[in-house]
Amino acid sequence: MEEVTLDIEKKDLIDGLGKGLRVIEAFDDDHPHLTASEVAVRAQITRTAARRYLLSLVHFGYAAGDGKHFWLQPRVLRLGQSYLAAARLPRLLQPFIQRVSMRTGETVNFSVLDGHEVVYLARSSPPRFVSIGYQVGVRVPAHVVTPGVAILSTWPDEAIDRWIADHEFSSFTAQTVVDVARFREHVAAARTLGFWMTEQQLDPALRGIAIPIKDRKGECRGSIGMTLQSQSYSQDSMLEKLLPALREVAVELRPIL
């Protein structure tokens, strides 16, 4: 189904639902256990409201608590699983990325840009004991992974400038690009090349390559790429052995998206 922009009036919105979702989003890797006061700050609501939302989540099985701290329960995963089960795009792309994985012998991911994070929605791994890459559902700051740059390279300059102005360029390794001007140069270079490669941005032992996936109207729908051990591939070998397979599947997908 083609996505359209809805003209939504404020009177049609349920403000409480939005606040409840912000309470869920307040929890992350760095904040797995939160008090009501901490949730209030992170969700930008009052402490009283935060406690009521947290108690409601506990009642419906989406959270648990010990009287002071709260944490999410596995039931929350149903929210993301509902999207993955209903979304057409990840299911459509699965056989294509599986073919690329079998051809290259590497784990292949399909990901999208959600705000300022890359979200991995589909994955195919070769038959080996250890595979490199991100599991489905993982979210990573967009500036440190190849798909982020690849997807942004398809945006208009004005949209890129707004995104960069709002983004937090956190450092994860000594090589992480946190300089805004340099990051903008990388996005421009990716636009010219039609793909992008990164190295040691999130993990000093990893490098990546990704290509944007466009539909028949020329709109970017996400990115297909690979995360690799730095010692396994040089940049030249990535261009020679991996990029052709990614380009081929991008061409194949465009008429059917």
C-alpha atoms as a PDB file:
ATOM      1  CA  MET A   1       0.000   0.000   0.000  1.00  0.00           C
ATOM      2  CA  GLU A   2       1.352   3.406  -0.993  1.00  0.00           C
ATOM      3  CA  GLU A   3       2.058   5.765   1.898  1.00  0.00           C
ATOM      4  CA  VAL A   4       0.233   9.097   1.821  1.00  0.00           C
ATOM      5  CA  THR A   5       0.505  12.156   4.036  1.00  0.00           C
ATOM      6  CA  LEU A   6      -2.616  12.574   6.161  1.00  0.00           C
ATOM      7  CA  ASP A   7      -3.974  15.974   7.083  1.00  0.00           C
ATOM      8  CA  ILE A   8      -4.504  15.368  10.803  1.00  0.00           C
ATOM      9  CA  GLU A   9      -6.195  17.959  12.987  1.00  0.00           C
ATOM     10  CA  LYS A  10      -5.251  18.343  16.635  1.00  0.00           C
ATOM     11  CA  LYS A  11      -8.819  17.611  17.775  1.00  0.00           C
ATOM     12  CA  ASP A  12      -8.498  14.127  16.279  1.00  0.00           C
ATOM     13  CA  LEU A  13      -5.429  13.245  18.355  1.00  0.00           C
ATOM     14  CA  ILE A  14      -5.386  11.309  21.625  1.00  0.00           C
ATOM     15  CA  ASP A  15      -2.744  13.164  23.596  1.00  0.00           C
ATOM     16  CA  GLY A  16      -2.558  10.475  26.276  1.00  0.00           C
ATOM     17  CA  LEU A  17      -1.544   7.842  23.734  1.00  0.00           C
ATOM     18  CA  GLY A  18       1.361   9.977  22.603  1.00  0.00           C
ATOM     19  CA  LYS A  19       2.520  10.479  26.192  1.00  0.00           C
ATOM     20  CA  GLY A  20       2.252   6.770  26.906  1.00  0.00           C
ATOM     21  CA  LEU A  21       4.427   5.965  23.912  1.00  0.00           C
ATOM     22  CA  ARG A  22       6.982   8.532  25.068  1.00  0.00           C
ATOM     23  CA  VAL A  23       7.087   6.771  28.440  1.00  0.00           C
ATOM     24  CA  ILE A  24       7.946   3.489  26.689  1.00  0.00           C
ATOM     25  CA  GLU A  25      10.577   5.231  24.575  1.00  0.00           C
ATOM     26  CA  ALA A  26      12.170   6.691  27.718  1.00  0.00           C
ATOM     27  CA  PHE A  27      13.791   3.295  28.344  1.00  0.00           C
ATOM     28  CA  ASP A  28      16.890   2.360  26.353  1.00  0.00           C
ATOM     29  CA  ASP A  29      20.264   0.624  26.660  1.00  0.00           C
ATOM     30  CA  ASP A  30      21.629   3.338  28.930  1.00  0.00           C
ATOM     31  CA  HIS A  31      18.423   3.640  30.960  1.00  0.00           C
ATOM     32  CA  PRO A  32      16.923   0.148  31.460  1.00  0.00           C
ATOM     33  CA  HIS A  33      15.630   0.949  34.967  1.00  0.00           C
ATOM     34  CA  LEU A  34      13.994   4.299  35.688  1.00  0.00           C
ATOM     35  CA  THR A  35      12.108   5.964  38.517  1.00  0.00           C
ATOM     36  CA  ALA A  36       8.895   7.871  37.862  1.00  0.00           C
ATOM     37  CA  SER A  37      10.805  11.121  38.257  1.00  0.00           C
ATOM     38  CA  GLU A  38      13.391  10.077  35.677  1.00  0.00           C
ATOM     39  CA  VAL A  39      10.693   9.001  33.245  1.00  0.00           C
ATOM     40  CA  ALA A  40       8.957  12.343  33.748  1.00  0.00           C
ATOM     41  CA  VAL A  41      12.091  14.189  32.697  1.00  0.00           C
ATOM     42  CA  ARG A  42      12.822  11.967  29.713  1.00  0.00           C
ATOM     43  CA  ALA A  43       9.200  11.900  28.495  1.00  0.00           C
ATOM     44  CA  GLN A  44       8.641  15.593  29.279  1.00  0.00           C
ATOM     45  CA  ILE A  45       5.556  15.020  31.435  1.00  0.00           C
ATOM     46  CA  THR A  46       4.777  15.527  35.126  1.00  0.00           C
ATOM     47  CA  ARG A  47       5.924  13.017  37.722  1.00  0.00           C
ATOM     48  CA  THR A  48       2.315  12.230  38.644  1.00  0.00           C
ATOM     49  CA  ALA A  49       1.447  11.491  35.024  1.00  0.00           C
ATOM     50  CA  ALA A  50       4.606   9.432  34.570  1.00  0.00           C
ATOM     51  CA  ARG A  51       3.747   7.264  37.572  1.00  0.00           C
ATOM     52  CA  ARG A  52       0.197   6.688  36.321  1.00  0.00           C
ATOM     53  CA  TYR A  53       1.454   5.670  32.882  1.00  0.00           C
ATOM     54  CA  LEU A  54       4.052   3.371  34.428  1.00  0.00           C
ATOM     55  CA  LEU A  55       1.504   1.712  36.700  1.00  0.00           C
ATOM     56  CA  SER A  56      -0.789   1.253  33.701  1.00  0.00           C
ATOM     57  CA  LEU A  57       2.031  -0.395  31.749  1.00  0.00           C
ATOM     58  CA  VAL A  58       2.648  -2.701  34.726  1.00  0.00           C
ATOM     59  CA  HIS A  59      -1.074  -3.550  34.897  1.00  0.00           C
ATOM     60  CA  PHE A  60      -1.211  -4.470  31.194  1.00  0.00           C
ATOM     61  CA  GLY A  61       2.009  -6.485  31.314  1.00  0.00           C
ATOM     62  CA  TYR A  62       4.282  -4.095  29.415  1.00  0.00           C
ATOM     63  CA  ALA A  63       6.411  -3.128  32.419  1.00  0.00           C
ATOM     64  CA  ALA A  64       7.365  -4.240  35.918  1.00  0.00           C
ATOM     65  CA  GLY A  65       8.540  -2.422  39.031  1.00  0.00           C
ATOM     66  CA  ASP A  66       9.827  -2.804  42.572  1.00  0.00           C
ATOM     67  CA  GLY A  67       8.090   0.183  44.114  1.00  0.00           C
ATOM     68  CA  LYS A  68      10.755   2.678  43.068  1.00  0.00           C
ATOM     69  CA  HIS A  69      12.232   1.628  39.748  1.00  0.00           C
ATOM     70  CA  PHE A  70      10.425   0.423  36.646  1.00  0.00           C
ATOM     71  CA  TRP A  71      11.582  -1.581  33.641  1.00  0.00           C
ATOM     72  CA  LEU A  72      10.020  -2.878  30.451  1.00  0.00           C
ATOM     73  CA  GLN A  73       8.784  -6.420  30.032  1.00  0.00           C
ATOM     74  CA  PRO A  74       9.161  -8.654  26.923  1.00  0.00           C
ATOM     75  CA  ARG A  75       5.532  -7.962  26.029  1.00  0.00           C
ATOM     76  CA  VAL A  76       6.681  -4.583  24.643  1.00  0.00           C
ATOM     77  CA  LEU A  77       8.350  -6.514  21.816  1.00  0.00           C
ATOM     78  CA  ARG A  78       4.878  -7.262  20.471  1.00  0.00           C
ATOM     79  CA  LEU A  79       4.625  -3.644  19.348  1.00  0.00           C
ATOM     80  CA  GLY A  80       7.644  -3.970  17.069  1.00  0.00           C
ATOM     81  CA  GLN A  81       6.734  -7.496  15.999  1.00  0.00           C
ATOM     82  CA  SER A  82       3.344  -6.249  14.856  1.00  0.00           C
ATOM     83  CA  TYR A  83       5.066  -3.883  12.450  1.00  0.00           C
ATOM     84  CA  LEU A  84       7.453  -6.547  11.164  1.00  0.00           C
ATOM     85  CA  ALA A  85       4.577  -8.993  10.671  1.00  0.00           C
ATOM     86  CA  ALA A  86       2.432  -6.473   8.804  1.00  0.00           C
ATOM     87  CA  ALA A  87       5.074  -4.538   6.870  1.00  0.00           C
ATOM     88  CA  ARG A  88       5.326  -5.504   3.227  1.00  0.00           C
ATOM     89  CA  LEU A  89       8.791  -4.136   2.506  1.00  0.00           C
ATOM     90  CA  PRO A  90      10.962  -6.319   4.796  1.00  0.00           C
ATOM     91  CA  ARG A  91       9.128  -9.448   3.613  1.00  0.00           C
ATOM     92  CA  LEU A  92       9.487  -8.459  -0.024  1.00  0.00           C
ATOM     93  CA  LEU A  93      13.218  -7.797   0.344  1.00  0.00           C
ATOM     94  CA  GLN A  94      14.052 -10.962   2.280  1.00  0.00           C
ATOM     95  CA  PRO A  95      14.675 -13.275  -0.719  1.00  0.00           C
ATOM     96  CA  PHE A  96      16.773 -10.589  -2.408  1.00  0.00           C
ATOM     97  CA  ILE A  97      19.085 -10.045   0.549  1.00  0.00           C
ATOM     98  CA  GLN A  98      19.245 -13.799   1.048  1.00  0.00           C
ATOM     99  CA  ARG A  99      20.542 -14.173  -2.502  1.00  0.00           C
ATOM    100  CA  VAL A 100      23.174 -11.482  -1.909  1.00  0.00           C
ATOM    101  CA  SER A 101      24.214 -13.225   1.306  1.00  0.00           C
ATOM    102  CA  MET A 102      24.614 -16.578  -0.429  1.00  0.00           C
ATOM    103  CA  ARG A 103      26.567 -14.956  -3.275  1.00  0.00           C
ATOM    104  CA  THR A 104      28.982 -13.065  -1.048  1.00  0.00           C
ATOM    105  CA  GLY A 105      29.112 -15.315   2.005  1.00  0.00           C
ATOM    106  CA  GLU A 106      28.373 -12.341   4.251  1.00  0.00           C
ATOM    107  CA  THR A 107      25.481 -11.233   6.466  1.00  0.00           C
ATOM    108  CA  VAL A 108      23.264  -8.736   4.636  1.00  0.00           C
ATOM    109  CA  ASN A 109      20.880  -6.278   6.285  1.00  0.00           C
ATOM    110  CA  PHE A 110      18.048  -4.067   5.124  1.00  0.00           C
ATOM    111  CA  SER A 111      17.588  -0.942   7.242  1.00  0.00           C
ATOM    112  CA  VAL A 112      15.705   2.343   7.288  1.00  0.00           C
ATOM    113  CA  LEU A 113      16.261   5.739   8.841  1.00  0.00           C
ATOM    114  CA  ASP A 114      13.882   6.488  11.714  1.00  0.00           C
ATOM    115  CA  GLY A 115      14.540  10.014  12.877  1.00  0.00           C
ATOM    116  CA  HIS A 116      18.191  10.023  13.897  1.00  0.00           C
ATOM    117  CA  GLU A 117      18.653   6.282  14.153  1.00  0.00           C
ATOM    118  CA  VAL A 118      19.094   3.487  11.663  1.00  0.00           C
ATOM    119  CA  VAL A 119      16.703   0.604  12.349  1.00  0.00           C
ATOM    120  CA  TYR A 120      17.493  -2.850  10.988  1.00  0.00           C
ATOM    121  CA  LEU A 121      14.364  -4.547   9.616  1.00  0.00           C
ATOM    122  CA  ALA A 122      15.569  -7.620   7.718  1.00  0.00           C
ATOM    123  CA  ARG A 123      18.650  -9.824   7.813  1.00  0.00           C
ATOM    124  CA  SER A 124      20.074 -12.833   6.024  1.00  0.00           C
ATOM    125  CA  SER A 125      23.156 -14.703   7.207  1.00  0.00           C
ATOM    126  CA  PRO A 126      25.280 -17.355   5.468  1.00  0.00           C
ATOM    127  CA  PRO A 127      25.545 -20.838   6.971  1.00  0.00           C
ATOM    128  CA  ARG A 128      28.402 -20.201   9.370  1.00  0.00           C
ATOM    129  CA  PHE A 129      28.825 -20.398  13.136  1.00  0.00           C
ATOM    130  CA  VAL A 130      29.562 -16.709  13.626  1.00  0.00           C
ATOM    131  CA  SER A 131      27.986 -13.916  11.596  1.00  0.00           C
ATOM    132  CA  ILE A 132      28.685 -10.201  11.725  1.00  0.00           C
ATOM    133  CA  GLY A 133      25.935  -7.614  11.557  1.00  0.00           C
ATOM    134  CA  TYR A 134      22.970  -6.201  13.406  1.00  0.00           C
ATOM    135  CA  GLN A 135      19.945  -8.208  14.488  1.00  0.00           C
ATOM    136  CA  VAL A 136      16.454  -7.258  13.335  1.00  0.00           C
ATOM    137  CA  GLY A 137      15.052  -4.478  15.502  1.00  0.00           C
ATOM    138  CA  VAL A 138      18.408  -2.992  16.548  1.00  0.00           C
ATOM    139  CA  ARG A 139      18.644   0.811  16.474  1.00  0.00           C
ATOM    140  CA  VAL A 140      21.973   2.605  16.000  1.00  0.00           C
ATOM    141  CA  PRO A 141      22.867   6.321  15.766  1.00  0.00           C
ATOM    142  CA  ALA A 142      22.748   7.082  12.056  1.00  0.00           C
ATOM    143  CA  HIS A 143      26.067   8.925  11.805  1.00  0.00           C
ATOM    144  CA  VAL A 144      28.133   5.886  12.803  1.00  0.00           C
ATOM    145  CA  VAL A 145      26.746   3.254  10.416  1.00  0.00           C
ATOM    146  CA  THR A 146      26.971   3.124   6.637  1.00  0.00           C
ATOM    147  CA  PRO A 147      23.230   2.994   5.905  1.00  0.00           C
ATOM    148  CA  GLY A 148      22.737   6.339   7.648  1.00  0.00           C
ATOM    149  CA  VAL A 149      25.056   8.133   5.242  1.00  0.00           C
ATOM    150  CA  ALA A 150      23.746   6.168   2.248  1.00  0.00           C
ATOM    151  CA  ILE A 151      20.116   7.081   2.969  1.00  0.00           C
ATOM    152  CA  LEU A 152      20.842  10.723   3.793  1.00  0.00           C
ATOM    153  CA  SER A 153      22.706  11.059   0.495  1.00  0.00           C
ATOM    154  CA  THR A 154      19.364  10.736  -1.326  1.00  0.00           C
ATOM    155  CA  TRP A 155      17.807  13.666   0.542  1.00  0.00           C
ATOM    156  CA  PRO A 156      17.642  17.292  -0.658  1.00  0.00           C
ATOM    157  CA  ASP A 157      20.354  19.549   0.764  1.00  0.00           C
ATOM    158  CA  GLU A 158      17.864  21.529   2.858  1.00  0.00           C
ATOM    159  CA  ALA A 159      16.547  18.390   4.552  1.00  0.00           C
ATOM    160  CA  ILE A 160      20.090  17.175   5.231  1.00  0.00           C
ATOM    161  CA  ASP A 161      20.998  20.513   6.830  1.00  0.00           C
ATOM    162  CA  ARG A 162      17.969  20.320   9.146  1.00  0.00           C
ATOM    163  CA  TRP A 163      18.797  16.734  10.088  1.00  0.00           C
ATOM    164  CA  ILE A 164      22.422  17.584  10.839  1.00  0.00           C
ATOM    165  CA  ALA A 165      21.423  20.629  12.901  1.00  0.00           C
ATOM    166  CA  ASP A 166      19.227  18.444  15.144  1.00  0.00           C
ATOM    167  CA  HIS A 167      21.563  15.453  15.374  1.00  0.00           C
ATOM    168  CA  GLU A 168      23.790  14.596  18.317  1.00  0.00           C
ATOM    169  CA  PHE A 169      27.170  13.523  16.959  1.00  0.00           C
ATOM    170  CA  SER A 170      28.333  11.268  19.775  1.00  0.00           C
ATOM    171  CA  SER A 171      31.789   9.679  19.598  1.00  0.00           C
ATOM    172  CA  PHE A 172      32.209   5.905  19.937  1.00  0.00           C
ATOM    173  CA  THR A 173      35.770   5.381  18.684  1.00  0.00           C
ATOM    174  CA  ALA A 174      38.767   7.543  17.900  1.00  0.00           C
ATOM    175  CA  GLN A 175      37.671   7.455  14.241  1.00  0.00           C
ATOM    176  CA  THR A 176      34.023   8.461  14.742  1.00  0.00           C
ATOM    177  CA  VAL A 177      33.130  11.420  12.548  1.00  0.00           C
ATOM    178  CA  VAL A 178      31.710  14.091  14.844  1.00  0.00           C
ATOM    179  CA  ASP A 179      32.702  17.156  12.832  1.00  0.00           C
ATOM    180  CA  VAL A 180      29.593  18.464  11.079  1.00  0.00           C
ATOM    181  CA  ALA A 181      31.426  19.774   8.009  1.00  0.00           C
ATOM    182  CA  ARG A 182      33.221  16.474   7.494  1.00  0.00           C
ATOM    183  CA  PHE A 183      30.007  14.484   7.906  1.00  0.00           C
ATOM    184  CA  ARG A 184      28.291  16.695   5.330  1.00  0.00           C
ATOM    185  CA  GLU A 185      31.200  16.017   2.961  1.00  0.00           C
ATOM    186  CA  HIS A 186      30.709  12.285   3.430  1.00  0.00           C
ATOM    187  CA  VAL A 187      27.004  12.555   2.592  1.00  0.00           C
ATOM    188  CA  ALA A 188      27.832  14.554  -0.544  1.00  0.00           C
ATOM    189  CA  ALA A 189      30.451  11.995  -1.581  1.00  0.00           C
ATOM    190  CA  ALA A 190      27.974   9.142  -1.054  1.00  0.00           C
ATOM    191  CA  ARG A 191      25.494  10.952  -3.300  1.00  0.00           C
ATOM    192  CA  THR A 192      28.095  11.092  -6.077  1.00  0.00           C
ATOM    193  CA  LEU A 193      29.223   7.489  -5.643  1.00  0.00           C
ATOM    194  CA  GLY A 194      25.782   5.963  -5.140  1.00  0.00           C
ATOM    195  CA  PHE A 195      27.033   3.968  -2.140  1.00  0.00           C
ATOM    196  CA  TRP A 196      29.115   4.469   1.005  1.00  0.00           C
ATOM    197  CA  MET A 197      31.724   2.693   3.109  1.00  0.00           C
ATOM    198  CA  THR A 198      32.626   3.362   6.734  1.00  0.00           C
ATOM    199  CA  GLU A 199      35.379   2.094   8.979  1.00  0.00           C
ATOM    200  CA  GLN A 200      35.834   2.061  12.771  1.00  0.00           C
ATOM    201  CA  GLN A 201      32.945   4.455  13.376  1.00  0.00           C
ATOM    202  CA  LEU A 202      31.057   2.432  15.994  1.00  0.00           C
ATOM    203  CA  ASP A 203      33.522  -0.402  16.623  1.00  0.00           C
ATOM    204  CA  PRO A 204      37.262  -0.275  15.824  1.00  0.00           C
ATOM    205  CA  ALA A 205      37.129  -3.830  14.458  1.00  0.00           C
ATOM    206  CA  LEU A 206      34.304  -3.259  11.974  1.00  0.00           C
ATOM    207  CA  ARG A 207      33.766  -1.638   8.593  1.00  0.00           C
ATOM    208  CA  GLY A 208      30.679  -1.466   6.434  1.00  0.00           C
ATOM    209  CA  ILE A 209      29.316  -0.903   2.957  1.00  0.00           C
ATOM    210  CA  ALA A 210      25.770   0.061   1.994  1.00  0.00           C
ATOM    211  CA  ILE A 211      23.739   1.241  -0.962  1.00  0.00           C
ATOM    212  CA  PRO A 212      20.416   3.131  -0.933  1.00  0.00           C
ATOM    213  CA  ILE A 213      17.371   1.286  -2.251  1.00  0.00           C
ATOM    214  CA  LYS A 214      15.024   3.409  -4.360  1.00  0.00           C
ATOM    215  CA  ASP A 215      11.541   2.686  -5.642  1.00  0.00           C
ATOM    216  CA  ARG A 216      10.249   3.194  -9.184  1.00  0.00           C
ATOM    217  CA  LYS A 217       9.521   6.861  -8.368  1.00  0.00           C
ATOM    218  CA  GLY A 218      13.101   7.462  -7.286  1.00  0.00           C
ATOM    219  CA  GLU A 219      12.271   7.725  -3.584  1.00  0.00           C
ATOM    220  CA  CYS A 220      14.673   6.101  -1.126  1.00  0.00           C
ATOM    221  CA  ARG A 221      13.003   3.274   0.810  1.00  0.00           C
ATOM    222  CA  GLY A 222      16.000   2.252   2.882  1.00  0.00           C
ATOM    223  CA  SER A 223      19.424   0.699   2.463  1.00  0.00           C
ATOM    224  CA  ILE A 224      20.960  -2.725   1.912  1.00  0.00           C
ATOM    225  CA  GLY A 225      24.433  -3.310   3.253  1.00  0.00           C
ATOM    226  CA  MET A 226      26.920  -5.406   5.170  1.00  0.00           C
ATOM    227  CA  THR A 227      28.959  -5.043   8.351  1.00  0.00           C
ATOM    228  CA  LEU A 228      32.327  -6.782   8.177  1.00  0.00           C
ATOM    229  CA  GLN A 229      35.437  -7.527  10.189  1.00  0.00           C
ATOM    230  CA  SER A 230      38.055  -4.946   9.175  1.00  0.00           C
ATOM    231  CA  GLN A 231      40.719  -7.633   8.861  1.00  0.00           C
ATOM    232  CA  SER A 232      38.622  -9.622   6.389  1.00  0.00           C
ATOM    233  CA  TYR A 233      38.307  -7.003   3.656  1.00  0.00           C
ATOM    234  CA  SER A 234      40.249  -4.048   2.368  1.00  0.00           C
ATOM    235  CA  GLN A 235      38.305  -1.199   0.797  1.00  0.00           C
ATOM    236  CA  ASP A 236      39.433  -2.365  -2.658  1.00  0.00           C
ATOM    237  CA  SER A 237      38.224  -5.916  -2.033  1.00  0.00           C
ATOM    238  CA  MET A 238      34.864  -4.602  -0.787  1.00  0.00           C
ATOM    239  CA  LEU A 239      34.447  -2.640  -4.002  1.00  0.00           C
ATOM    240  CA  GLU A 240      35.440  -5.631  -6.101  1.00  0.00           C
ATOM    241  CA  LYS A 241      33.643  -8.470  -4.318  1.00  0.00           C
ATOM    242  CA  LEU A 242      30.659  -6.914  -2.519  1.00  0.00           C
ATOM    243  CA  LEU A 243      29.534  -3.737  -4.256  1.00  0.00           C
ATOM    244  CA  PRO A 244      28.514  -5.419  -7.561  1.00  0.00           C
ATOM    245  CA  ALA A 245      26.075  -7.711  -5.737  1.00  0.00           C
ATOM    246  CA  LEU A 246      24.535  -4.772  -3.864  1.00  0.00           C
ATOM    247  CA  ARG A 247      24.191  -2.727  -7.041  1.00  0.00           C
ATOM    248  CA  GLU A 248      22.618  -5.621  -8.874  1.00  0.00           C
ATOM    249  CA  VAL A 249      19.894  -6.124  -6.279  1.00  0.00           C
ATOM    250  CA  ALA A 250      19.223  -2.371  -6.098  1.00  0.00           C
ATOM    251  CA  VAL A 251      18.563  -2.360  -9.844  1.00  0.00           C
ATOM    252  CA  GLU A 252      16.329  -5.435  -9.595  1.00  0.00           C
ATOM    253  CA  LEU A 253      14.274  -3.995  -6.743  1.00  0.00           C
ATOM    254  CA  ARG A 254      13.559  -0.559  -8.183  1.00  0.00           C
ATOM    255  CA  PRO A 255      10.804  -1.602 -10.665  1.00  0.00           C
ATOM    256  CA  ILE A 256       8.910  -3.607  -8.045  1.00  0.00           C
ATOM    257  CA  LEU A 257       8.983  -1.185  -5.096  1.00  0.00           C
END
